[in-house]
Structures are given as structure tokens and as C-alpha cells.
Amino acid sequence: MAEVTIRVRDHGPFLVEGDFRLVDAEGNEFSIDREKPAIALCRCGASQKAPFCDGSHKTCGFQSCERAQ
């Protein structure tokens, strides 16, 4: 099994690295550019490219700084 890492960015997206599939609620797979080292998934809910981040968190006032316990 390949290793997948998900990094939480302060006030920003989840960065997902590794070999993975991203599927919607109906089981349809999203197209992912495998040439990129990571993809960014929206956490703020304002992205026009959901579920991918488009940088909207920078202007919508999204604040979040989770830390592992």
C-alpha cells in the first residue's frame, strides 16, 4: 500500500500527497493531475473549483488552525 500524507494548512486547504483516488458521494472519480506533487482540497467552502482549493480562503475570512493532540 502506498503512503498518503494529508497536511493541514493554517487558514487554508488540506494538501494531499501520495497515490490516492478522490471519489464523490456517488462513487465517481475526480480527475487528478498526477504530475503535481500534491493537490489542495478546499476547507473554507468558498472555492469555485470544489472540492479543490482555488485560493478563496484568502478572501472569505476563513480561520482554522487545527493541531494534533
Protein backbone atom coordinates (compact mmCIF):
# COMPACT_ATOMS: atom_id res chain seq x y z
CA MET A 1 0.00 0.00 0.00
CA ALA A 2 1.30 3.43 -0.96
CA GLU A 3 1.73 6.09 1.69
CA VAL A 4 -0.59 9.10 1.62
CA THR A 5 0.07 12.24 3.65
CA ILE A 6 -2.57 14.90 4.33
CA ARG A 7 -1.21 18.18 5.64
CA VAL A 8 -3.48 20.75 7.28
CA ARG A 9 -2.54 24.28 6.22
CA ASP A 10 -3.29 27.04 8.73
CA HIS A 11 -6.26 29.06 7.42
CA GLY A 12 -6.06 27.11 4.15
CA PRO A 13 -6.62 23.80 2.38
CA PHE A 14 -5.75 20.19 3.05
CA LEU A 15 -2.68 19.24 0.97
CA VAL A 16 -2.85 15.59 -0.10
CA GLU A 17 0.33 13.84 -1.24
CA GLY A 18 0.82 10.28 -2.45
CA ASP A 19 -1.02 7.75 -4.57
CA PHE A 20 -4.76 8.03 -3.91
CA ARG A 21 -8.17 8.27 -5.55
CA LEU A 22 -10.69 11.03 -4.85
CA VAL A 23 -14.32 9.98 -5.33
CA ASP A 24 -17.62 11.82 -4.84
CA ALA A 25 -20.65 10.63 -2.87
CA GLU A 26 -21.86 8.60 -5.88
CA GLY A 27 -18.52 6.85 -6.39
CA ASN A 28 -17.44 8.96 -9.38
CA GLU A 29 -13.71 9.61 -9.51
CA PHE A 30 -12.34 13.14 -9.82
CA SER A 31 -9.60 13.70 -12.38
CA ILE A 32 -6.29 14.47 -10.66
CA ASP A 33 -3.12 15.78 -12.32
CA ARG A 34 -0.61 13.09 -11.29
CA GLU A 35 2.29 15.32 -12.38
CA LYS A 36 1.70 17.58 -9.37
CA PRO A 37 3.36 16.55 -6.09
CA ALA A 38 0.16 17.32 -4.14
CA ILE A 39 -3.41 18.51 -4.55
CA ALA A 40 -5.17 21.06 -2.35
CA LEU A 41 -8.67 20.30 -1.08
CA CYS A 42 -10.91 23.19 -0.02
CA ARG A 43 -11.81 23.55 3.66
CA CYS A 44 -13.43 27.00 3.57
CA GLY A 45 -16.42 26.08 1.39
CA ALA A 46 -15.98 29.11 -0.88
CA SER A 47 -14.00 27.51 -3.73
CA GLN A 48 -15.48 27.75 -7.22
CA LYS A 49 -13.47 24.60 -8.09
CA ALA A 50 -14.72 22.44 -5.19
CA PRO A 51 -13.60 20.05 -3.90
CA PHE A 52 -10.29 21.60 -4.97
CA CYS A 53 -8.91 24.80 -3.44
CA ASP A 54 -8.88 27.91 -5.64
CA GLY A 55 -7.44 30.27 -3.01
CA SER A 56 -10.83 31.65 -1.90
CA HIS A 57 -9.86 31.09 1.75
CA LYS A 58 -7.61 34.15 1.44
CA THR A 59 -10.57 36.49 0.85
CA CYS A 60 -13.56 34.87 2.59
CA GLY A 61 -12.32 35.22 6.15
CA PHE A 62 -11.72 31.50 6.75
CA GLN A 63 -9.83 30.86 10.01
CA SER A 64 -8.68 27.45 11.22
CA CYS A 65 -5.50 26.23 12.93
CA GLU A 66 -6.06 22.62 13.99
CA ARG A 67 -3.27 20.90 15.89
CA ALA A 68 -2.78 17.20 16.53
CA GLN A 69 -3.26 16.19 20.15
